[in-house]
Amino acid sequence: MADVVIVGGGPAGLNAALLLARARRDVVLADAGAGRNRFAGHAHNLLTRDGVPPGELRKIARQDLEPYPTARVVDDTVTAITGEQGNFTVSFAGGTTGTARRILLATGVTDELPAIDGLQELWGHSVL
């Protein structure tokens, strides 16, 4: 049983995983791989990483977790969470399940773009 399952592998989820792993908590970070900033060429407003491409930021943050044996990344989508505080069951799209004492949702937001011709192709580059 993990201490915490973190749902969301973006900057918030990765930072939470690092903080908890440094506190010697057993952490599972579930990352579906569809971060909101995946359309942008660069991430901004992050100390020491302003302007880094989002994929590079994710790679660096995951590398920061590697020295901590209590942190594990699962590249999968969480499909269900059942149970109660102290005893949750987390189901993944790949068919596996896990258990945790706590759940931390770091799923961020989803952009719902208006139906404007050409907007989708420009989103994250010249339209923000």
N, C-alpha and C. Protein backbone atom coordinates (compact mmCIF):
# COMPACT_ATOMS: atom_id res chain seq x y z
N MET A 1 0.85 -1.18 0.00
CA MET A 1 0.00 0.00 0.00
C MET A 1 0.89 1.23 0.00
N ALA A 2 0.61 2.13 -0.94
CA ALA A 2 1.35 3.39 -1.00
C ALA A 2 0.79 4.34 0.05
N ASP A 3 1.62 5.27 0.48
CA ASP A 3 1.12 6.33 1.34
C ASP A 3 0.20 7.25 0.55
N VAL A 4 0.63 7.58 -0.69
CA VAL A 4 -0.13 8.52 -1.52
C VAL A 4 -0.05 8.08 -2.98
N VAL A 5 -1.19 8.11 -3.67
CA VAL A 5 -1.22 8.04 -5.12
C VAL A 5 -1.54 9.44 -5.60
N ILE A 6 -0.66 9.97 -6.45
CA ILE A 6 -0.85 11.28 -7.04
C ILE A 6 -1.38 11.08 -8.46
N VAL A 7 -2.52 11.66 -8.75
CA VAL A 7 -3.12 11.55 -10.07
C VAL A 7 -2.80 12.83 -10.83
N GLY A 8 -1.90 12.72 -11.80
CA GLY A 8 -1.49 13.88 -12.60
C GLY A 8 0.01 14.05 -12.58
N GLY A 9 0.63 13.95 -13.76
CA GLY A 9 2.09 14.01 -13.86
C GLY A 9 2.61 15.32 -14.42
N GLY A 10 1.85 16.40 -14.25
CA GLY A 10 2.32 17.73 -14.66
C GLY A 10 3.21 18.33 -13.58
N PRO A 11 3.53 19.61 -13.71
CA PRO A 11 4.40 20.26 -12.74
C PRO A 11 3.94 20.12 -11.29
N ALA A 12 2.64 20.27 -11.04
CA ALA A 12 2.14 20.18 -9.66
C ALA A 12 2.28 18.76 -9.11
N GLY A 13 1.89 17.76 -9.89
CA GLY A 13 2.01 16.38 -9.45
C GLY A 13 3.45 15.95 -9.26
N LEU A 14 4.32 16.35 -10.19
CA LEU A 14 5.74 16.02 -10.07
C LEU A 14 6.36 16.67 -8.85
N ASN A 15 6.01 17.92 -8.59
CA ASN A 15 6.55 18.60 -7.42
C ASN A 15 6.05 17.95 -6.12
N ALA A 16 4.78 17.59 -6.10
CA ALA A 16 4.23 16.91 -4.92
C ALA A 16 4.93 15.57 -4.70
N ALA A 17 5.18 14.84 -5.78
CA ALA A 17 5.87 13.55 -5.65
C ALA A 17 7.28 13.74 -5.09
N LEU A 18 7.98 14.75 -5.56
CA LEU A 18 9.32 15.01 -5.06
C LEU A 18 9.29 15.37 -3.58
N LEU A 19 8.40 16.25 -3.20
CA LEU A 19 8.29 16.66 -1.80
C LEU A 19 7.98 15.45 -0.90
N LEU A 20 7.02 14.64 -1.30
CA LEU A 20 6.64 13.49 -0.49
C LEU A 20 7.73 12.42 -0.45
N ALA A 21 8.40 12.20 -1.58
CA ALA A 21 9.50 11.22 -1.60
C ALA A 21 10.65 11.67 -0.71
N ARG A 22 10.94 12.96 -0.71
CA ARG A 22 11.98 13.49 0.18
C ARG A 22 11.61 13.32 1.65
N ALA A 23 10.29 13.28 1.92
CA ALA A 23 9.81 13.07 3.29
C ALA A 23 9.68 11.56 3.58
N ARG A 24 10.21 10.74 2.68
CA ARG A 24 10.24 9.29 2.82
C ARG A 24 8.87 8.64 2.81
N ARG A 25 7.96 9.25 2.08
CA ARG A 25 6.64 8.66 1.88
C ARG A 25 6.68 7.79 0.64
N ASP A 26 5.94 6.70 0.67
CA ASP A 26 5.82 5.82 -0.48
C ASP A 26 4.80 6.42 -1.43
N VAL A 27 5.25 6.86 -2.60
CA VAL A 27 4.44 7.65 -3.53
C VAL A 27 4.36 6.96 -4.89
N VAL A 28 3.15 6.93 -5.43
CA VAL A 28 2.94 6.49 -6.80
C VAL A 28 2.38 7.69 -7.56
N LEU A 29 3.06 8.08 -8.62
CA LEU A 29 2.63 9.19 -9.48
C LEU A 29 2.04 8.60 -10.75
N ALA A 30 0.74 8.81 -10.96
CA ALA A 30 0.06 8.32 -12.16
C ALA A 30 0.04 9.43 -13.20
N ASP A 31 0.64 9.15 -14.36
CA ASP A 31 0.76 10.15 -15.41
C ASP A 31 0.20 9.59 -16.72
N ALA A 32 -0.92 10.18 -17.17
CA ALA A 32 -1.53 9.75 -18.42
C ALA A 32 -0.79 10.30 -19.63
N GLY A 33 0.11 11.28 -19.41
CA GLY A 33 0.95 11.80 -20.49
C GLY A 33 0.31 12.86 -21.37
N ALA A 34 -0.83 13.39 -20.97
CA ALA A 34 -1.51 14.38 -21.80
C ALA A 34 -1.54 15.73 -21.09
N GLY A 35 -0.37 16.24 -20.73
CA GLY A 35 -0.30 17.51 -20.01
C GLY A 35 -0.89 18.67 -20.78
N ARG A 36 -1.45 19.60 -20.06
CA ARG A 36 -2.09 20.77 -20.67
C ARG A 36 -1.09 21.56 -21.52
N ASN A 37 0.17 21.64 -21.08
CA ASN A 37 1.15 22.46 -21.78
C ASN A 37 1.84 21.73 -22.93
N ARG A 38 1.37 20.56 -23.30
CA ARG A 38 2.02 19.79 -24.37
C ARG A 38 1.99 20.49 -25.72
N PHE A 39 1.07 21.45 -25.90
CA PHE A 39 0.96 22.17 -27.17
C PHE A 39 1.91 23.36 -27.25
N ALA A 40 2.43 23.78 -26.11
CA ALA A 40 3.30 24.95 -26.06
C ALA A 40 4.75 24.58 -26.38
N GLY A 41 5.45 25.51 -26.96
CA GLY A 41 6.86 25.29 -27.27
C GLY A 41 7.75 25.46 -26.05
N HIS A 42 7.28 26.24 -25.09
CA HIS A 42 8.10 26.54 -23.91
C HIS A 42 7.22 26.73 -22.68
N ALA A 43 7.75 26.36 -21.53
CA ALA A 43 7.08 26.61 -20.24
C ALA A 43 7.72 27.85 -19.62
N HIS A 44 6.92 28.64 -18.96
CA HIS A 44 7.43 29.87 -18.36
C HIS A 44 7.01 29.99 -16.91
N ASN A 45 7.64 30.92 -16.21
CA ASN A 45 7.35 31.25 -14.82
C ASN A 45 7.74 30.13 -13.85
N LEU A 46 8.79 29.39 -14.17
CA LEU A 46 9.32 28.36 -13.29
C LEU A 46 10.78 28.70 -12.97
N LEU A 47 11.07 28.88 -11.71
CA LEU A 47 12.45 29.22 -11.31
C LEU A 47 13.44 28.23 -11.91
N THR A 48 14.50 28.71 -12.44
CA THR A 48 15.62 28.00 -13.07
C THR A 48 15.25 27.27 -14.36
N ARG A 49 13.99 27.29 -14.76
CA ARG A 49 13.58 26.56 -15.95
C ARG A 49 12.73 27.40 -16.90
N ASP A 50 12.75 28.72 -16.77
CA ASP A 50 11.94 29.56 -17.63
C ASP A 50 12.33 29.35 -19.10
N GLY A 51 11.36 29.03 -19.92
CA GLY A 51 11.60 28.85 -21.35
C GLY A 51 11.91 27.43 -21.77
N VAL A 52 11.96 26.49 -20.83
CA VAL A 52 12.26 25.11 -21.19
C VAL A 52 11.05 24.48 -21.88
N PRO A 53 11.26 23.64 -22.89
CA PRO A 53 10.12 22.95 -23.52
C PRO A 53 9.42 22.05 -22.50
N PRO A 54 8.09 21.94 -22.55
CA PRO A 54 7.36 21.15 -21.57
C PRO A 54 7.83 19.70 -21.45
N GLY A 55 8.13 19.08 -22.55
CA GLY A 55 8.62 17.70 -22.50
C GLY A 55 9.95 17.58 -21.77
N GLU A 56 10.81 18.56 -21.96
CA GLU A 56 12.11 18.58 -21.27
C GLU A 56 11.90 18.80 -19.77
N LEU A 57 10.98 19.68 -19.42
CA LEU A 57 10.68 19.92 -18.01
C LEU A 57 10.19 18.64 -17.34
N ARG A 58 9.32 17.93 -18.00
CA ARG A 58 8.81 16.65 -17.48
C ARG A 58 9.93 15.64 -17.30
N LYS A 59 10.81 15.57 -18.29
CA LYS A 59 11.95 14.64 -18.23
C LYS A 59 12.87 14.97 -17.05
N ILE A 60 13.20 16.24 -16.88
CA ILE A 60 14.07 16.68 -15.78
C ILE A 60 13.43 16.37 -14.43
N ALA A 61 12.13 16.67 -14.31
CA ALA A 61 11.43 16.43 -13.04
C ALA A 61 11.39 14.94 -12.71
N ARG A 62 11.18 14.12 -13.70
CA ARG A 62 11.18 12.67 -13.47
C ARG A 62 12.57 12.19 -13.05
N GLN A 63 13.60 12.75 -13.64
CA GLN A 63 14.97 12.41 -13.25
C GLN A 63 15.23 12.80 -11.80
N ASP A 64 14.64 13.91 -11.37
CA ASP A 64 14.79 14.34 -9.98
C ASP A 64 14.19 13.33 -9.01
N LEU A 65 13.22 12.55 -9.45
CA LEU A 65 12.59 11.55 -8.59
C LEU A 65 13.42 10.26 -8.48
N GLU A 66 14.28 10.01 -9.47
CA GLU A 66 15.01 8.74 -9.53
C GLU A 66 15.82 8.38 -8.27
N PRO A 67 16.46 9.34 -7.60
CA PRO A 67 17.24 8.96 -6.41
C PRO A 67 16.40 8.51 -5.21
N TYR A 68 15.09 8.69 -5.29
CA TYR A 68 14.23 8.39 -4.16
C TYR A 68 13.53 7.05 -4.38
N PRO A 69 13.94 6.03 -3.63
CA PRO A 69 13.38 4.69 -3.83
C PRO A 69 11.90 4.59 -3.46
N THR A 70 11.36 5.57 -2.76
CA THR A 70 9.96 5.52 -2.37
C THR A 70 9.03 6.15 -3.41
N ALA A 71 9.59 6.63 -4.50
CA ALA A 71 8.78 7.25 -5.57
C ALA A 71 8.74 6.34 -6.78
N ARG A 72 7.53 6.15 -7.31
CA ARG A 72 7.37 5.32 -8.50
C ARG A 72 6.42 6.04 -9.45
N VAL A 73 6.75 6.07 -10.73
CA VAL A 73 5.91 6.68 -11.76
C VAL A 73 5.21 5.58 -12.54
N VAL A 74 3.92 5.72 -12.70
CA VAL A 74 3.12 4.79 -13.51
C VAL A 74 2.59 5.58 -14.70
N ASP A 75 3.00 5.19 -15.89
CA ASP A 75 2.54 5.86 -17.12
C ASP A 75 1.22 5.23 -17.55
N ASP A 76 0.16 5.68 -16.91
CA ASP A 76 -1.16 5.12 -17.20
C ASP A 76 -2.22 6.11 -16.71
N THR A 77 -3.44 5.90 -17.17
CA THR A 77 -4.58 6.72 -16.80
C THR A 77 -5.33 6.09 -15.64
N VAL A 78 -5.62 6.89 -14.63
CA VAL A 78 -6.47 6.41 -13.54
C VAL A 78 -7.91 6.44 -14.02
N THR A 79 -8.59 5.30 -13.92
CA THR A 79 -9.97 5.20 -14.39
C THR A 79 -10.98 5.21 -13.25
N ALA A 80 -10.55 4.85 -12.05
CA ALA A 80 -11.48 4.83 -10.91
C ALA A 80 -10.70 4.87 -9.60
N ILE A 81 -11.32 5.50 -8.62
CA ILE A 81 -10.80 5.51 -7.26
C ILE A 81 -11.98 5.16 -6.35
N THR A 82 -11.82 4.12 -5.56
CA THR A 82 -12.87 3.72 -4.63
C THR A 82 -12.27 3.59 -3.24
N GLY A 83 -13.13 3.49 -2.26
CA GLY A 83 -12.68 3.30 -0.89
C GLY A 83 -12.90 4.53 -0.06
N GLU A 84 -12.10 4.63 0.98
CA GLU A 84 -12.22 5.73 1.92
C GLU A 84 -10.84 6.07 2.46
N GLN A 85 -10.76 7.21 3.15
CA GLN A 85 -9.49 7.67 3.70
C GLN A 85 -8.81 6.54 4.46
N GLY A 86 -7.56 6.32 4.12
CA GLY A 86 -6.79 5.26 4.74
C GLY A 86 -6.78 3.96 3.97
N ASN A 87 -7.72 3.80 3.02
CA ASN A 87 -7.81 2.55 2.27
C ASN A 87 -8.51 2.77 0.92
N PHE A 88 -7.78 3.38 -0.02
CA PHE A 88 -8.31 3.61 -1.36
C PHE A 88 -7.79 2.53 -2.31
N THR A 89 -8.59 2.21 -3.30
CA THR A 89 -8.16 1.36 -4.40
C THR A 89 -8.19 2.21 -5.66
N VAL A 90 -7.09 2.18 -6.40
CA VAL A 90 -6.95 2.96 -7.63
C VAL A 90 -6.88 1.99 -8.80
N SER A 91 -7.74 2.18 -9.78
CA SER A 91 -7.76 1.34 -10.98
C SER A 91 -7.16 2.12 -12.14
N PHE A 92 -6.36 1.41 -12.94
CA PHE A 92 -5.69 2.01 -14.09
C PHE A 92 -6.25 1.45 -15.39
N ALA A 93 -6.17 2.24 -16.45
CA ALA A 93 -6.67 1.84 -17.77
C ALA A 93 -6.00 0.55 -18.25
N GLY A 94 -4.75 0.35 -17.88
CA GLY A 94 -4.02 -0.84 -18.31
C GLY A 94 -4.45 -2.12 -17.62
N GLY A 95 -5.40 -2.01 -16.66
CA GLY A 95 -5.92 -3.21 -16.01
C GLY A 95 -5.36 -3.48 -14.62
N THR A 96 -4.36 -2.73 -14.20
CA THR A 96 -3.80 -2.95 -12.87
C THR A 96 -4.53 -2.11 -11.84
N THR A 97 -4.32 -2.46 -10.58
CA THR A 97 -4.87 -1.68 -9.48
C THR A 97 -3.78 -1.48 -8.44
N GLY A 98 -4.00 -0.52 -7.58
CA GLY A 98 -3.10 -0.25 -6.48
C GLY A 98 -3.90 0.27 -5.30
N THR A 99 -3.26 0.31 -4.15
CA THR A 99 -3.93 0.82 -2.96
C THR A 99 -3.10 1.94 -2.35
N ALA A 100 -3.80 2.82 -1.65
CA ALA A 100 -3.13 3.97 -1.04
C ALA A 100 -3.92 4.45 0.17
N ARG A 101 -3.18 5.05 1.09
CA ARG A 101 -3.82 5.66 2.25
C ARG A 101 -4.47 7.00 1.90
N ARG A 102 -3.85 7.71 0.97
CA ARG A 102 -4.34 9.04 0.57
C ARG A 102 -4.26 9.16 -0.95
N ILE A 103 -5.09 10.08 -1.49
CA ILE A 103 -5.10 10.41 -2.92
C ILE A 103 -4.85 11.90 -3.04
N LEU A 104 -3.97 12.29 -3.94
CA LEU A 104 -3.73 13.69 -4.23
C LEU A 104 -4.07 13.91 -5.70
N LEU A 105 -5.08 14.74 -5.96
CA LEU A 105 -5.47 15.04 -7.34
C LEU A 105 -4.72 16.27 -7.83
N ALA A 106 -3.90 16.07 -8.85
CA ALA A 106 -3.13 17.16 -9.46
C ALA A 106 -3.39 17.12 -10.96
N THR A 107 -4.66 17.05 -11.30
CA THR A 107 -5.04 16.85 -12.70
C THR A 107 -5.11 18.13 -13.51
N GLY A 108 -5.00 19.28 -12.85
CA GLY A 108 -5.01 20.53 -13.59
C GLY A 108 -6.35 20.83 -14.20
N VAL A 109 -6.31 21.51 -15.32
CA VAL A 109 -7.54 21.91 -16.01
C VAL A 109 -7.46 21.47 -17.47
N THR A 110 -8.59 21.47 -18.10
CA THR A 110 -8.66 21.16 -19.53
C THR A 110 -9.17 22.40 -20.25
N ASP A 111 -8.48 22.78 -21.29
CA ASP A 111 -8.91 23.93 -22.08
C ASP A 111 -10.02 23.50 -23.03
N GLU A 112 -11.13 24.21 -22.97
CA GLU A 112 -12.23 23.96 -23.90
C GLU A 112 -12.25 25.13 -24.89
N LEU A 113 -11.73 24.87 -26.06
CA LEU A 113 -11.60 25.92 -27.06
C LEU A 113 -12.91 26.15 -27.79
N PRO A 114 -13.20 27.40 -28.12
CA PRO A 114 -14.40 27.68 -28.93
C PRO A 114 -14.22 27.14 -30.34
N ALA A 115 -15.32 26.86 -30.99
CA ALA A 115 -15.30 26.31 -32.35
C ALA A 115 -14.99 27.41 -33.36
N ILE A 116 -13.71 27.76 -33.47
CA ILE A 116 -13.25 28.77 -34.42
C ILE A 116 -12.28 28.09 -35.37
N ASP A 117 -12.54 28.18 -36.66
CA ASP A 117 -11.67 27.55 -37.65
C ASP A 117 -10.22 27.96 -37.46
N GLY A 118 -9.32 26.98 -37.40
CA GLY A 118 -7.89 27.23 -37.29
C GLY A 118 -7.37 27.42 -35.88
N LEU A 119 -8.23 27.58 -34.90
CA LEU A 119 -7.79 27.84 -33.53
C LEU A 119 -7.00 26.67 -32.94
N GLN A 120 -7.48 25.46 -33.14
CA GLN A 120 -6.82 24.27 -32.58
C GLN A 120 -5.36 24.19 -33.02
N GLU A 121 -5.08 24.48 -34.29
CA GLU A 121 -3.72 24.37 -34.81
C GLU A 121 -2.80 25.44 -34.23
N LEU A 122 -3.35 26.58 -33.84
CA LEU A 122 -2.54 27.68 -33.31
C LEU A 122 -2.42 27.65 -31.80
N TRP A 123 -3.25 26.85 -31.13
CA TRP A 123 -3.29 26.82 -29.67
C TRP A 123 -1.94 26.41 -29.07
N GLY A 124 -1.45 27.22 -28.16
CA GLY A 124 -0.20 26.95 -27.49
C GLY A 124 1.02 27.50 -28.19
N HIS A 125 0.85 28.05 -29.39
CA HIS A 125 1.98 28.61 -30.15
C HIS A 125 1.80 30.11 -30.33
N SER A 126 0.78 30.48 -31.10
CA SER A 126 0.55 31.91 -31.31
C SER A 126 -0.78 32.37 -30.72
N VAL A 127 -1.58 31.43 -30.25
CA VAL A 127 -2.81 31.75 -29.53
C VAL A 127 -2.71 31.11 -28.16
N LEU A 128 -2.87 31.95 -27.14
CA LEU A 128 -2.77 31.45 -25.77
C LEU A 128 -3.98 31.89 -24.98
